[in-house]
Amino acid sequence: QTSAPVEPLPPTPEVGSALGTIVIDPGHGGDDIGVRGRNGSEEKALTLAVAQRIKSLIESRLGIRVILTRDDDRGVSLDARAAAANNNKAGLFVSLHLNASPVATSAGAEVVHSRIGRGGGDGGVPEDDTVVLPVFGGTTRTVDLIRWDLAQARHAESSAAFAEILEEHLRTRVEMGPRPRRALPLRVL
């Protein structure tokens, strides 16, 4: 049975202009398979398939530009994933992953958004938040840095609000886990 083609819907001015571009990050890839299901399915393949489907739906139904951090089976560094969003001035960054647990009570989806603040994460800058860099002419200069976990602080509230909306909508379609929404200091977020 074939389905009728989906007619594009014009984006609402508020959504289209507010988001501009959405970056979807299919987790893992290349040598990093993520988790493997009982039937041999790999997280990297499933996240890519889901990301490609979401991209197609958003572009065709809402007319919003969507960029994938990877569109094939290759490894992409955390920095490159974040750079894809930053360089394209994305209004929204979504990283897709699958959960796995041998305990049935831990099953279900969850939404993770960034936690802002000191003390955690997977790659910050030195504690003194400065770095000495060489400059033209053989001299050096000290540069003050903004820690990666604080650079997005101005987006913390909207990130948490989006996570809440996403969780509410997911709940109508899939089983949610015991921790349906969490804030974590993940660098990619």
N, C-alpha and C. Protein backbone atom coordinates (compact mmCIF):
# COMPACT_ATOMS: atom_id res chain seq x y z
N GLN A 1 0.84 -1.17 0.00
CA GLN A 1 0.00 0.00 0.00
C GLN A 1 0.89 1.24 0.00
N THR A 2 0.59 2.18 -0.86
CA THR A 2 1.37 3.42 -0.91
C THR A 2 0.61 4.52 -0.21
N SER A 3 1.35 5.41 0.39
CA SER A 3 0.71 6.53 1.05
C SER A 3 0.77 7.74 0.16
N ALA A 4 -0.20 8.62 0.33
CA ALA A 4 -0.24 9.84 -0.47
C ALA A 4 0.91 10.74 -0.06
N PRO A 5 1.45 11.52 -1.01
CA PRO A 5 2.55 12.42 -0.65
C PRO A 5 2.08 13.44 0.38
N VAL A 6 2.99 13.81 1.24
CA VAL A 6 2.68 14.79 2.28
C VAL A 6 2.84 16.18 1.70
N GLU A 7 1.78 16.96 1.80
CA GLU A 7 1.82 18.34 1.31
C GLU A 7 2.58 19.20 2.30
N PRO A 8 3.52 20.02 1.83
CA PRO A 8 4.23 20.90 2.75
C PRO A 8 3.28 21.92 3.36
N LEU A 9 3.46 22.15 4.63
CA LEU A 9 2.70 23.18 5.32
C LEU A 9 3.62 24.37 5.52
N PRO A 10 3.11 25.57 5.29
CA PRO A 10 3.99 26.72 5.51
C PRO A 10 4.30 26.84 6.99
N PRO A 11 5.54 27.20 7.33
CA PRO A 11 5.85 27.36 8.75
C PRO A 11 5.10 28.57 9.30
N THR A 12 4.71 28.46 10.56
CA THR A 12 4.12 29.63 11.18
C THR A 12 5.23 30.66 11.31
N PRO A 13 4.95 31.93 11.13
CA PRO A 13 6.01 32.93 11.20
C PRO A 13 6.80 32.86 12.49
N GLU A 14 6.12 32.59 13.60
CA GLU A 14 6.80 32.55 14.89
C GLU A 14 7.81 31.40 14.93
N VAL A 15 7.40 30.21 14.50
CA VAL A 15 8.27 29.04 14.57
C VAL A 15 9.39 29.14 13.56
N GLY A 16 9.04 29.44 12.30
CA GLY A 16 10.05 29.50 11.25
C GLY A 16 11.12 30.54 11.51
N SER A 17 10.72 31.74 11.94
CA SER A 17 11.72 32.78 12.16
C SER A 17 12.46 32.58 13.48
N ALA A 18 11.81 32.02 14.47
CA ALA A 18 12.47 31.81 15.76
C ALA A 18 13.52 30.72 15.67
N LEU A 19 13.22 29.65 14.94
CA LEU A 19 14.16 28.54 14.86
C LEU A 19 15.17 28.74 13.75
N GLY A 20 14.74 29.20 12.61
CA GLY A 20 15.65 29.36 11.49
C GLY A 20 16.16 28.04 10.98
N THR A 21 17.03 27.41 11.73
CA THR A 21 17.62 26.13 11.38
C THR A 21 17.56 25.21 12.58
N ILE A 22 17.30 23.95 12.32
CA ILE A 22 17.33 22.92 13.36
C ILE A 22 18.47 21.97 13.02
N VAL A 23 19.29 21.64 14.00
CA VAL A 23 20.35 20.65 13.81
C VAL A 23 19.96 19.41 14.59
N ILE A 24 19.93 18.28 13.89
CA ILE A 24 19.63 16.99 14.52
C ILE A 24 20.92 16.17 14.50
N ASP A 25 21.26 15.65 15.65
CA ASP A 25 22.50 14.91 15.84
C ASP A 25 22.19 13.43 16.07
N PRO A 26 22.33 12.58 15.02
CA PRO A 26 22.15 11.15 15.23
C PRO A 26 23.34 10.62 16.04
N GLY A 27 23.10 10.22 17.26
CA GLY A 27 24.17 9.80 18.15
C GLY A 27 25.03 8.68 17.59
N HIS A 28 26.29 8.68 18.04
CA HIS A 28 27.27 7.65 17.71
C HIS A 28 27.65 7.70 16.23
N GLY A 29 28.08 6.60 15.65
CA GLY A 29 28.51 6.56 14.25
C GLY A 29 29.94 6.08 14.12
N GLY A 30 30.27 5.54 12.96
CA GLY A 30 31.61 5.01 12.72
C GLY A 30 31.90 3.84 13.63
N ASP A 31 33.05 3.88 14.30
CA ASP A 31 33.44 2.80 15.21
C ASP A 31 32.60 2.76 16.48
N ASP A 32 31.95 3.85 16.81
CA ASP A 32 31.12 3.94 18.01
C ASP A 32 29.69 3.51 17.67
N ILE A 33 29.34 2.27 18.01
CA ILE A 33 28.01 1.76 17.66
C ILE A 33 26.94 2.13 18.66
N GLY A 34 27.32 2.61 19.84
CA GLY A 34 26.34 2.86 20.88
C GLY A 34 25.97 1.54 21.52
N VAL A 35 24.69 1.31 21.72
CA VAL A 35 24.24 0.03 22.28
C VAL A 35 23.79 -0.88 21.15
N ARG A 36 23.81 -2.18 21.45
CA ARG A 36 23.38 -3.18 20.48
C ARG A 36 22.16 -3.90 21.07
N GLY A 37 21.11 -3.99 20.26
CA GLY A 37 19.89 -4.67 20.69
C GLY A 37 20.04 -6.18 20.64
N ARG A 38 19.08 -6.85 21.23
CA ARG A 38 19.10 -8.33 21.25
C ARG A 38 19.13 -8.91 19.84
N ASN A 39 18.48 -8.23 18.91
CA ASN A 39 18.42 -8.74 17.53
C ASN A 39 19.61 -8.28 16.69
N GLY A 40 20.58 -7.61 17.32
CA GLY A 40 21.78 -7.16 16.61
C GLY A 40 21.71 -5.74 16.08
N SER A 41 20.58 -5.08 16.24
CA SER A 41 20.46 -3.71 15.75
C SER A 41 21.42 -2.81 16.54
N GLU A 42 21.97 -1.83 15.85
CA GLU A 42 22.94 -0.93 16.47
C GLU A 42 22.35 0.47 16.61
N GLU A 43 22.64 1.08 17.76
CA GLU A 43 22.13 2.41 18.05
C GLU A 43 22.52 3.41 16.96
N LYS A 44 23.75 3.34 16.47
CA LYS A 44 24.19 4.31 15.47
C LYS A 44 23.33 4.27 14.21
N ALA A 45 22.89 3.08 13.80
CA ALA A 45 22.05 2.94 12.61
C ALA A 45 20.63 3.42 12.88
N LEU A 46 20.11 3.09 14.04
CA LEU A 46 18.74 3.49 14.38
C LEU A 46 18.62 4.99 14.56
N THR A 47 19.60 5.61 15.24
CA THR A 47 19.52 7.06 15.42
C THR A 47 19.63 7.78 14.08
N LEU A 48 20.44 7.25 13.17
CA LEU A 48 20.56 7.87 11.84
C LEU A 48 19.24 7.74 11.07
N ALA A 49 18.62 6.57 11.11
CA ALA A 49 17.35 6.37 10.39
C ALA A 49 16.26 7.29 10.96
N VAL A 50 16.20 7.41 12.27
CA VAL A 50 15.20 8.28 12.90
C VAL A 50 15.49 9.74 12.54
N ALA A 51 16.74 10.15 12.60
CA ALA A 51 17.11 11.53 12.27
C ALA A 51 16.73 11.88 10.83
N GLN A 52 16.99 10.96 9.90
CA GLN A 52 16.66 11.21 8.49
C GLN A 52 15.15 11.34 8.31
N ARG A 53 14.40 10.54 9.03
CA ARG A 53 12.93 10.62 8.92
C ARG A 53 12.42 11.93 9.52
N ILE A 54 12.95 12.31 10.67
CA ILE A 54 12.53 13.57 11.30
C ILE A 54 12.88 14.75 10.40
N LYS A 55 14.08 14.74 9.83
CA LYS A 55 14.50 15.81 8.92
C LYS A 55 13.51 15.95 7.76
N SER A 56 13.17 14.83 7.15
CA SER A 56 12.24 14.85 6.03
C SER A 56 10.88 15.40 6.44
N LEU A 57 10.38 14.97 7.58
CA LEU A 57 9.07 15.44 8.05
C LEU A 57 9.07 16.93 8.36
N ILE A 58 10.09 17.40 9.05
CA ILE A 58 10.14 18.82 9.41
C ILE A 58 10.26 19.69 8.16
N GLU A 59 11.13 19.29 7.23
CA GLU A 59 11.31 20.08 6.02
C GLU A 59 10.06 20.08 5.16
N SER A 60 9.43 18.92 5.00
CA SER A 60 8.27 18.86 4.12
C SER A 60 7.01 19.44 4.74
N ARG A 61 6.84 19.28 6.03
CA ARG A 61 5.60 19.76 6.67
C ARG A 61 5.70 21.17 7.21
N LEU A 62 6.90 21.57 7.66
CA LEU A 62 7.03 22.89 8.27
C LEU A 62 7.88 23.85 7.44
N GLY A 63 8.62 23.32 6.48
CA GLY A 63 9.45 24.18 5.65
C GLY A 63 10.64 24.78 6.39
N ILE A 64 11.05 24.16 7.46
CA ILE A 64 12.19 24.66 8.25
C ILE A 64 13.44 23.90 7.82
N ARG A 65 14.55 24.60 7.68
CA ARG A 65 15.82 23.99 7.29
C ARG A 65 16.32 23.08 8.41
N VAL A 66 16.72 21.86 8.05
CA VAL A 66 17.24 20.89 9.01
C VAL A 66 18.59 20.39 8.52
N ILE A 67 19.56 20.39 9.42
CA ILE A 67 20.90 19.89 9.12
C ILE A 67 21.16 18.71 10.05
N LEU A 68 21.73 17.63 9.50
CA LEU A 68 22.14 16.49 10.30
C LEU A 68 23.64 16.61 10.57
N THR A 69 24.06 16.25 11.78
CA THR A 69 25.49 16.29 12.09
C THR A 69 26.23 15.17 11.35
N ARG A 70 25.52 14.14 10.96
CA ARG A 70 26.08 13.10 10.09
C ARG A 70 24.93 12.53 9.27
N ASP A 71 25.21 12.22 8.00
CA ASP A 71 24.18 11.63 7.15
C ASP A 71 24.60 10.27 6.63
N ASP A 72 25.64 9.72 7.26
CA ASP A 72 26.09 8.38 6.93
C ASP A 72 26.76 7.78 8.17
N ASP A 73 27.33 6.58 8.02
CA ASP A 73 27.93 5.89 9.15
C ASP A 73 29.39 6.30 9.31
N ARG A 74 29.58 7.43 9.98
CA ARG A 74 30.94 7.89 10.25
C ARG A 74 30.98 8.51 11.64
N GLY A 75 32.15 8.50 12.23
CA GLY A 75 32.32 9.12 13.53
C GLY A 75 32.38 10.63 13.40
N VAL A 76 31.78 11.31 14.36
CA VAL A 76 31.80 12.77 14.40
C VAL A 76 32.13 13.17 15.83
N SER A 77 33.15 14.00 16.01
CA SER A 77 33.56 14.41 17.36
C SER A 77 32.49 15.29 18.01
N LEU A 78 32.55 15.37 19.34
CA LEU A 78 31.61 16.25 20.05
C LEU A 78 31.77 17.69 19.60
N ASP A 79 33.02 18.11 19.40
CA ASP A 79 33.25 19.49 18.94
C ASP A 79 32.64 19.73 17.57
N ALA A 80 32.76 18.77 16.66
CA ALA A 80 32.19 18.92 15.31
C ALA A 80 30.67 18.94 15.36
N ARG A 81 30.08 18.16 16.26
CA ARG A 81 28.61 18.15 16.41
C ARG A 81 28.12 19.52 16.88
N ALA A 82 28.78 20.06 17.90
CA ALA A 82 28.41 21.38 18.40
C ALA A 82 28.68 22.46 17.36
N ALA A 83 29.79 22.33 16.63
CA ALA A 83 30.13 23.32 15.60
C ALA A 83 29.09 23.35 14.49
N ALA A 84 28.51 22.20 14.16
CA ALA A 84 27.47 22.18 13.12
C ALA A 84 26.30 23.07 13.53
N ALA A 85 25.94 23.04 14.80
CA ALA A 85 24.85 23.88 15.28
C ALA A 85 25.29 25.35 15.35
N ASN A 86 26.45 25.59 15.92
CA ASN A 86 26.92 26.97 16.09
C ASN A 86 27.19 27.65 14.76
N ASN A 87 27.86 26.95 13.84
CA ASN A 87 28.21 27.56 12.55
C ASN A 87 26.99 27.82 11.67
N ASN A 88 25.92 27.08 11.90
CA ASN A 88 24.69 27.28 11.12
C ASN A 88 23.65 28.09 11.88
N LYS A 89 24.07 28.65 13.02
CA LYS A 89 23.20 29.50 13.85
C LYS A 89 21.86 28.82 14.12
N ALA A 90 21.95 27.56 14.52
CA ALA A 90 20.74 26.78 14.77
C ALA A 90 19.96 27.34 15.96
N GLY A 91 18.65 27.37 15.79
CA GLY A 91 17.78 27.77 16.88
C GLY A 91 17.43 26.60 17.78
N LEU A 92 17.72 25.39 17.30
CA LEU A 92 17.41 24.18 18.08
C LEU A 92 18.43 23.10 17.72
N PHE A 93 18.94 22.43 18.74
CA PHE A 93 19.86 21.31 18.57
C PHE A 93 19.28 20.12 19.30
N VAL A 94 19.08 19.01 18.58
CA VAL A 94 18.51 17.79 19.18
C VAL A 94 19.48 16.65 18.91
N SER A 95 19.94 16.00 19.98
CA SER A 95 20.83 14.85 19.85
C SER A 95 20.02 13.60 20.17
N LEU A 96 20.02 12.65 19.24
CA LEU A 96 19.21 11.43 19.39
C LEU A 96 20.06 10.27 19.89
N HIS A 97 19.57 9.61 20.92
CA HIS A 97 20.23 8.42 21.47
C HIS A 97 19.16 7.42 21.88
N LEU A 98 19.56 6.19 22.10
CA LEU A 98 18.66 5.15 22.57
C LEU A 98 19.12 4.71 23.94
N ASN A 99 18.17 4.39 24.78
CA ASN A 99 18.52 3.87 26.10
C ASN A 99 18.61 2.36 26.04
N ALA A 100 19.39 1.80 26.94
CA ALA A 100 19.48 0.34 27.05
C ALA A 100 19.65 0.00 28.52
N SER A 101 18.96 -1.02 28.94
CA SER A 101 19.08 -1.47 30.32
C SER A 101 18.64 -2.91 30.42
N PRO A 102 19.35 -3.72 31.20
CA PRO A 102 18.92 -5.10 31.40
C PRO A 102 17.73 -5.19 32.36
N VAL A 103 17.37 -4.07 32.99
CA VAL A 103 16.28 -4.04 33.97
C VAL A 103 15.03 -3.46 33.30
N ALA A 104 13.97 -4.24 33.25
CA ALA A 104 12.74 -3.81 32.56
C ALA A 104 12.14 -2.54 33.17
N THR A 105 12.30 -2.33 34.47
CA THR A 105 11.71 -1.16 35.11
C THR A 105 12.41 0.14 34.70
N SER A 106 13.56 0.02 34.04
CA SER A 106 14.27 1.21 33.57
C SER A 106 13.93 1.55 32.13
N ALA A 107 13.05 0.78 31.51
CA ALA A 107 12.72 0.98 30.10
C ALA A 107 11.94 2.27 29.89
N GLY A 108 12.08 2.82 28.70
CA GLY A 108 11.29 3.99 28.33
C GLY A 108 12.15 5.14 27.86
N ALA A 109 11.50 6.09 27.25
CA ALA A 109 12.18 7.26 26.69
C ALA A 109 12.45 8.29 27.78
N GLU A 110 13.43 9.13 27.51
CA GLU A 110 13.69 10.27 28.38
C GLU A 110 14.20 11.42 27.54
N VAL A 111 14.00 12.61 28.04
CA VAL A 111 14.45 13.83 27.39
C VAL A 111 15.50 14.46 28.29
N VAL A 112 16.66 14.76 27.73
CA VAL A 112 17.75 15.34 28.50
C VAL A 112 18.03 16.73 27.95
N HIS A 113 18.12 17.70 28.84
CA HIS A 113 18.51 19.05 28.42
C HIS A 113 19.71 19.47 29.24
N SER A 114 20.35 20.54 28.82
CA SER A 114 21.62 20.91 29.45
C SER A 114 21.42 21.48 30.85
N ARG A 115 22.36 21.10 31.72
CA ARG A 115 22.43 21.67 33.06
C ARG A 115 23.60 22.64 33.03
N ILE A 116 23.35 23.82 33.49
CA ILE A 116 24.36 24.88 33.44
C ILE A 116 24.99 25.05 34.81
N GLY A 117 26.29 25.25 34.82
CA GLY A 117 26.98 25.54 36.07
C GLY A 117 28.30 24.82 36.17
N ARG A 118 29.03 25.13 37.19
CA ARG A 118 30.33 24.53 37.41
C ARG A 118 30.20 23.12 37.94
N GLY A 119 31.32 22.40 37.83
CA GLY A 119 31.39 21.09 38.46
C GLY A 119 30.78 19.99 37.63
N GLY A 120 31.32 19.71 36.51
CA GLY A 120 30.82 18.57 35.75
C GLY A 120 30.95 18.80 34.27
N GLY A 121 30.69 17.75 33.54
CA GLY A 121 30.75 17.83 32.11
C GLY A 121 31.85 16.96 31.56
N ASP A 122 31.95 16.95 30.28
CA ASP A 122 32.92 16.07 29.64
C ASP A 122 33.90 16.86 28.79
N GLY A 123 34.47 17.90 29.39
CA GLY A 123 35.52 18.63 28.68
C GLY A 123 35.37 20.12 28.80
N GLY A 124 35.95 20.71 29.78
CA GLY A 124 35.88 22.15 29.96
C GLY A 124 37.23 22.77 29.68
N VAL A 125 37.48 23.90 30.29
CA VAL A 125 38.74 24.59 30.15
C VAL A 125 39.43 24.57 31.49
N PRO A 126 40.68 24.97 31.55
CA PRO A 126 41.39 24.97 32.82
C PRO A 126 40.64 25.76 33.89
N GLU A 127 40.91 25.40 35.15
CA GLU A 127 40.21 26.03 36.26
C GLU A 127 40.34 27.54 36.29
N ASP A 128 41.49 28.09 35.86
CA ASP A 128 41.65 29.54 35.94
C ASP A 128 40.94 30.27 34.79
N ASP A 129 40.35 29.55 33.86
CA ASP A 129 39.57 30.11 32.77
C ASP A 129 40.35 31.10 31.90
N THR A 130 41.67 30.94 31.84
CA THR A 130 42.49 31.74 30.94
C THR A 130 43.44 30.80 30.20
N VAL A 131 43.92 31.27 29.07
CA VAL A 131 44.90 30.52 28.30
C VAL A 131 45.86 31.51 27.67
N VAL A 132 47.12 31.12 27.58
CA VAL A 132 48.13 31.96 26.95
C VAL A 132 48.31 31.46 25.53
N LEU A 133 48.12 32.37 24.56
CA LEU A 133 48.20 32.02 23.14
C LEU A 133 49.33 32.78 22.46
N PRO A 134 50.02 32.11 21.52
CA PRO A 134 51.03 32.84 20.76
C PRO A 134 50.35 33.80 19.78
N VAL A 135 50.99 34.92 19.54
CA VAL A 135 50.48 35.88 18.58
C VAL A 135 51.58 36.22 17.58
N PHE A 136 51.19 36.82 16.47
CA PHE A 136 52.13 37.18 15.40
C PHE A 136 53.24 38.06 15.97
N GLY A 137 54.47 37.76 15.62
CA GLY A 137 55.61 38.53 16.11
C GLY A 137 56.36 37.82 17.22
N GLY A 138 55.89 36.63 17.60
CA GLY A 138 56.61 35.85 18.59
C GLY A 138 56.24 36.13 20.03
N THR A 139 55.26 36.99 20.26
CA THR A 139 54.86 37.25 21.64
C THR A 139 53.67 36.38 22.00
N THR A 140 53.16 36.55 23.18
CA THR A 140 51.98 35.81 23.63
C THR A 140 50.99 36.79 24.23
N ARG A 141 49.77 36.32 24.37
CA ARG A 141 48.77 37.14 25.05
C ARG A 141 47.84 36.21 25.82
N THR A 142 47.37 36.68 26.95
CA THR A 142 46.47 35.91 27.80
C THR A 142 45.03 36.24 27.39
N VAL A 143 44.24 35.19 27.19
CA VAL A 143 42.85 35.35 26.77
C VAL A 143 41.96 34.74 27.84
N ASP A 144 40.95 35.50 28.24
CA ASP A 144 39.94 34.97 29.16
C ASP A 144 38.97 34.11 28.38
N LEU A 145 38.65 32.95 28.91
CA LEU A 145 37.75 32.03 28.24
C LEU A 145 36.42 31.93 28.97
N ILE A 146 35.40 31.62 28.20
CA ILE A 146 34.10 31.31 28.78
C ILE A 146 33.98 29.80 28.76
N ARG A 147 33.80 29.22 29.91
CA ARG A 147 33.69 27.76 29.98
C ARG A 147 32.53 27.30 29.11
N TRP A 148 32.69 26.13 28.46
CA TRP A 148 31.65 25.62 27.57
C TRP A 148 30.35 25.43 28.32
N ASP A 149 30.41 25.04 29.58
CA ASP A 149 29.18 24.77 30.32
C ASP A 149 28.48 26.05 30.76
N LEU A 150 29.14 27.20 30.62
CA LEU A 150 28.49 28.47 30.95
C LEU A 150 28.13 29.28 29.70
N ALA A 151 28.72 28.92 28.56
CA ALA A 151 28.51 29.69 27.34
C ALA A 151 27.06 29.70 26.89
N GLN A 152 26.32 28.66 27.20
CA GLN A 152 24.92 28.56 26.78
C GLN A 152 23.93 28.92 27.89
N ALA A 153 24.42 29.54 28.95
CA ALA A 153 23.57 29.85 30.10
C ALA A 153 22.32 30.65 29.72
N ARG A 154 22.45 31.53 28.74
CA ARG A 154 21.30 32.36 28.36
C ARG A 154 20.18 31.53 27.73
N HIS A 155 20.49 30.29 27.32
CA HIS A 155 19.48 29.43 26.70
C HIS A 155 18.91 28.38 27.66
N ALA A 156 19.36 28.39 28.90
CA ALA A 156 18.98 27.33 29.84
C ALA A 156 17.46 27.25 30.05
N GLU A 157 16.82 28.37 30.23
CA GLU A 157 15.38 28.35 30.48
C GLU A 157 14.60 27.85 29.27
N SER A 158 14.94 28.33 28.08
CA SER A 158 14.21 27.89 26.89
C SER A 158 14.51 26.43 26.58
N SER A 159 15.71 25.97 26.89
CA SER A 159 16.05 24.56 26.71
C SER A 159 15.21 23.68 27.62
N ALA A 160 15.08 24.08 28.87
CA ALA A 160 14.26 23.33 29.82
C ALA A 160 12.79 23.36 29.41
N ALA A 161 12.32 24.50 28.93
CA ALA A 161 10.93 24.61 28.49
C ALA A 161 10.67 23.72 27.28
N PHE A 162 11.61 23.72 26.32
CA PHE A 162 11.44 22.84 25.16
C PHE A 162 11.46 21.37 25.58
N ALA A 163 12.34 21.01 26.50
CA ALA A 163 12.41 19.63 26.99
C ALA A 163 11.08 19.21 27.62
N GLU A 164 10.46 20.11 28.33
CA GLU A 164 9.16 19.81 28.95
C GLU A 164 8.09 19.58 27.88
N ILE A 165 8.04 20.44 26.87
CA ILE A 165 7.08 20.29 25.78
C ILE A 165 7.32 18.98 25.03
N LEU A 166 8.58 18.70 24.73
CA LEU A 166 8.92 17.47 24.01
C LEU A 166 8.52 16.24 24.82
N GLU A 167 8.80 16.26 26.11
CA GLU A 167 8.40 15.13 26.95
C GLU A 167 6.89 14.93 26.95
N GLU A 168 6.14 16.01 27.06
CA GLU A 168 4.67 15.91 27.05
C GLU A 168 4.17 15.29 25.76
N HIS A 169 4.74 15.68 24.63
CA HIS A 169 4.31 15.13 23.35
C HIS A 169 4.77 13.69 23.16
N LEU A 170 5.98 13.39 23.59
CA LEU A 170 6.45 12.00 23.50
C LEU A 170 5.57 11.07 24.33
N ARG A 171 5.17 11.54 25.49
CA ARG A 171 4.36 10.73 26.41
C ARG A 171 3.07 10.25 25.76
N THR A 172 2.55 10.98 24.79
CA THR A 172 1.31 10.57 24.12
C THR A 172 1.57 9.47 23.08
N ARG A 173 2.85 9.22 22.76
CA ARG A 173 3.17 8.26 21.70
C ARG A 173 4.04 7.09 22.14
N VAL A 174 4.87 7.29 23.15
CA VAL A 174 5.78 6.23 23.60
C VAL A 174 5.77 6.13 25.11
N GLU A 175 6.22 4.98 25.60
CA GLU A 175 6.34 4.81 27.05
C GLU A 175 7.53 5.60 27.54
N MET A 176 7.33 6.37 28.58
CA MET A 176 8.42 7.16 29.14
C MET A 176 9.07 6.38 30.28
N GLY A 177 10.33 6.62 30.49
CA GLY A 177 11.10 5.95 31.53
C GLY A 177 10.79 6.53 32.90
N PRO A 178 11.42 5.96 33.93
CA PRO A 178 11.18 6.44 35.30
C PRO A 178 11.70 7.86 35.52
N ARG A 179 12.66 8.30 34.72
CA ARG A 179 13.16 9.68 34.76
C ARG A 179 12.90 10.29 33.39
N PRO A 180 11.69 10.74 33.14
CA PRO A 180 11.34 11.17 31.78
C PRO A 180 12.05 12.44 31.31
N ARG A 181 12.50 13.26 32.25
CA ARG A 181 13.18 14.50 31.85
C ARG A 181 14.29 14.77 32.87
N ARG A 182 15.51 14.99 32.34
CA ARG A 182 16.65 15.23 33.22
C ARG A 182 17.52 16.34 32.67
N ALA A 183 18.20 17.01 33.57
CA ALA A 183 19.19 18.03 33.21
C ALA A 183 20.57 17.47 33.52
N LEU A 184 21.44 17.45 32.51
CA LEU A 184 22.79 16.92 32.68
C LEU A 184 23.80 17.88 32.06
N PRO A 185 25.02 17.91 32.59
CA PRO A 185 26.06 18.79 32.03
C PRO A 185 26.80 18.13 30.88
N LEU A 186 26.10 17.87 29.79
CA LEU A 186 26.70 17.20 28.64
C LEU A 186 27.25 18.23 27.66
N ARG A 187 28.47 18.05 27.26
CA ARG A 187 29.14 19.01 26.40
C ARG A 187 28.40 19.25 25.09
N VAL A 188 27.91 18.20 24.48
CA VAL A 188 27.26 18.34 23.17
C VAL A 188 26.00 19.21 23.27
N LEU A 189 25.38 19.26 24.43
CA LEU A 189 24.19 20.10 24.58
C LEU A 189 24.56 21.56 24.81
